[in-house]
Amino acid sequence: MKKWENVAFGSSIFIVLTFLPPYLDTIGISFLLKSVCIISVLLGVLFSLSKINFLQKSVTKKVGWLTLITVFIFVSIFADLMN
């Protein structure tokens, strides 16, 4: 992880894949449409993150991985609390 952008990419992919599929299941759409929706949301989020100037700064591998793991833990706990 050389930039904050990579940390944000990993975090956003995890957040979208954690929260979007259960929401799409409650709507009741098909698997193909759900896949297209997830891919389009991910591409939109990743494109938006690549335009943020702060995320272009460099970060050490240790801090980047620790931040990413911390986000994974907090999002997992939050997702469990919501269900």
C-alpha atoms as a PDB file:
ATOM      1  CA  MET A   1       0.000   0.000   0.000  1.00  0.00           C
ATOM      2  CA  LYS A   2       1.832   3.035  -1.244  1.00  0.00           C
ATOM      3  CA  LYS A   3      -0.997   5.601  -1.251  1.00  0.00           C
ATOM      4  CA  TRP A   4      -4.036   6.341   0.844  1.00  0.00           C
ATOM      5  CA  GLU A   5      -6.013   5.754  -2.340  1.00  0.00           C
ATOM      6  CA  ASN A   6      -5.271   2.015  -2.125  1.00  0.00           C
ATOM      7  CA  VAL A   7      -6.471   1.923   1.492  1.00  0.00           C
ATOM      8  CA  ALA A   8      -9.660   3.731   0.462  1.00  0.00           C
ATOM      9  CA  PHE A   9     -10.152   1.333  -2.482  1.00  0.00           C
ATOM     10  CA  GLY A  10      -9.929  -1.715  -0.225  1.00  0.00           C
ATOM     11  CA  SER A  11     -12.201  -0.179   2.378  1.00  0.00           C
ATOM     12  CA  SER A  12     -14.828   0.900  -0.127  1.00  0.00           C
ATOM     13  CA  ILE A  13     -14.887  -2.500  -1.847  1.00  0.00           C
ATOM     14  CA  PHE A  14     -15.403  -4.182   1.524  1.00  0.00           C
ATOM     15  CA  ILE A  15     -18.136  -1.722   2.535  1.00  0.00           C
ATOM     16  CA  VAL A  16     -20.033  -2.047  -0.753  1.00  0.00           C
ATOM     17  CA  LEU A  17     -19.826  -5.857  -0.727  1.00  0.00           C
ATOM     18  CA  THR A  18     -20.961  -5.955   2.902  1.00  0.00           C
ATOM     19  CA  PHE A  19     -23.976  -3.644   2.746  1.00  0.00           C
ATOM     20  CA  LEU A  20     -25.250  -3.606  -0.852  1.00  0.00           C
ATOM     21  CA  PRO A  21     -26.096  -7.304  -1.528  1.00  0.00           C
ATOM     22  CA  PRO A  22     -28.470  -7.699   1.463  1.00  0.00           C
ATOM     23  CA  TYR A  23     -30.267  -4.523   0.409  1.00  0.00           C
ATOM     24  CA  LEU A  24     -30.590  -5.792  -3.158  1.00  0.00           C
ATOM     25  CA  ASP A  25     -31.916  -9.120  -1.830  1.00  0.00           C
ATOM     26  CA  THR A  26     -34.744  -7.345  -0.019  1.00  0.00           C
ATOM     27  CA  ILE A  27     -35.687  -5.610  -3.255  1.00  0.00           C
ATOM     28  CA  GLY A  28     -35.795  -9.006  -4.935  1.00  0.00           C
ATOM     29  CA  ILE A  29     -33.866  -8.477  -8.153  1.00  0.00           C
ATOM     30  CA  SER A  30     -32.181 -11.189 -10.201  1.00  0.00           C
ATOM     31  CA  PHE A  31     -28.590 -12.322  -9.738  1.00  0.00           C
ATOM     32  CA  LEU A  32     -27.448 -10.828 -13.050  1.00  0.00           C
ATOM     33  CA  LEU A  33     -28.979  -7.436 -12.284  1.00  0.00           C
ATOM     34  CA  LYS A  34     -27.542  -7.543  -8.763  1.00  0.00           C
ATOM     35  CA  SER A  35     -24.071  -8.232 -10.169  1.00  0.00           C
ATOM     36  CA  VAL A  36     -24.346  -5.373 -12.651  1.00  0.00           C
ATOM     37  CA  CYS A  37     -25.532  -3.030  -9.899  1.00  0.00           C
ATOM     38  CA  ILE A  38     -22.653  -3.976  -7.573  1.00  0.00           C
ATOM     39  CA  ILE A  39     -20.069  -3.558 -10.334  1.00  0.00           C
ATOM     40  CA  SER A  40     -21.455  -0.169 -11.378  1.00  0.00           C
ATOM     41  CA  VAL A  41     -21.538   1.098  -7.777  1.00  0.00           C
ATOM     42  CA  LEU A  42     -17.966  -0.110  -7.203  1.00  0.00           C
ATOM     43  CA  LEU A  43     -16.710   1.558 -10.383  1.00  0.00           C
ATOM     44  CA  GLY A  44     -18.447   4.807  -9.446  1.00  0.00           C
ATOM     45  CA  VAL A  45     -17.020   4.793  -5.919  1.00  0.00           C
ATOM     46  CA  LEU A  46     -13.500   3.918  -7.083  1.00  0.00           C
ATOM     47  CA  PHE A  47     -13.614   6.621  -9.757  1.00  0.00           C
ATOM     48  CA  SER A  48     -14.756   9.179  -7.190  1.00  0.00           C
ATOM     49  CA  LEU A  49     -12.031   8.171  -4.752  1.00  0.00           C
ATOM     50  CA  SER A  50      -9.342   8.511  -7.400  1.00  0.00           C
ATOM     51  CA  LYS A  51     -10.223  12.208  -7.817  1.00  0.00           C
ATOM     52  CA  ILE A  52      -9.666  13.140  -4.142  1.00  0.00           C
ATOM     53  CA  ASN A  53      -6.315  14.880  -3.759  1.00  0.00           C
ATOM     54  CA  PHE A  54      -5.742  13.872  -0.128  1.00  0.00           C
ATOM     55  CA  LEU A  55      -5.776  10.189  -1.075  1.00  0.00           C
ATOM     56  CA  GLN A  56      -2.860  10.696  -3.476  1.00  0.00           C
ATOM     57  CA  LYS A  57      -0.428  11.157  -0.571  1.00  0.00           C
ATOM     58  CA  SER A  58       1.924   8.310   0.242  1.00  0.00           C
ATOM     59  CA  VAL A  59       1.603   6.108   3.308  1.00  0.00           C
ATOM     60  CA  THR A  60       3.820   3.445   4.812  1.00  0.00           C
ATOM     61  CA  LYS A  61       2.790  -0.171   4.383  1.00  0.00           C
ATOM     62  CA  LYS A  62       2.399  -0.701   8.119  1.00  0.00           C
ATOM     63  CA  VAL A  63       0.046   2.246   8.630  1.00  0.00           C
ATOM     64  CA  GLY A  64      -1.913   1.421   5.473  1.00  0.00           C
ATOM     65  CA  TRP A  65      -2.495  -2.202   6.443  1.00  0.00           C
ATOM     66  CA  LEU A  66      -3.366  -1.303  10.035  1.00  0.00           C
ATOM     67  CA  THR A  67      -5.890   1.251   8.828  1.00  0.00           C
ATOM     68  CA  LEU A  68      -7.408  -1.230   6.385  1.00  0.00           C
ATOM     69  CA  ILE A  69      -7.684  -3.970   9.019  1.00  0.00           C
ATOM     70  CA  THR A  70      -9.242  -1.515  11.474  1.00  0.00           C
ATOM     71  CA  VAL A  71     -11.851  -0.509   8.894  1.00  0.00           C
ATOM     72  CA  PHE A  72     -12.595  -4.180   8.201  1.00  0.00           C
ATOM     73  CA  ILE A  73     -13.145  -4.849  11.908  1.00  0.00           C
ATOM     74  CA  PHE A  74     -15.372  -1.805  12.492  1.00  0.00           C
ATOM     75  CA  VAL A  75     -17.480  -2.435   9.386  1.00  0.00           C
ATOM     76  CA  SER A  76     -17.895  -6.120  10.283  1.00  0.00           C
ATOM     77  CA  ILE A  77     -19.029  -5.241  13.811  1.00  0.00           C
ATOM     78  CA  PHE A  78     -21.386  -2.546  12.489  1.00  0.00           C
ATOM     79  CA  ALA A  79     -22.877  -4.961   9.943  1.00  0.00           C
ATOM     80  CA  ASP A  80     -23.466  -7.566  12.651  1.00  0.00           C
ATOM     81  CA  LEU A  81     -25.128  -4.994  14.895  1.00  0.00           C
ATOM     82  CA  MET A  82     -27.469  -3.936  12.096  1.00  0.00           C
ATOM     83  CA  ASN A  83     -28.667  -7.506  11.545  1.00  0.00           C
END
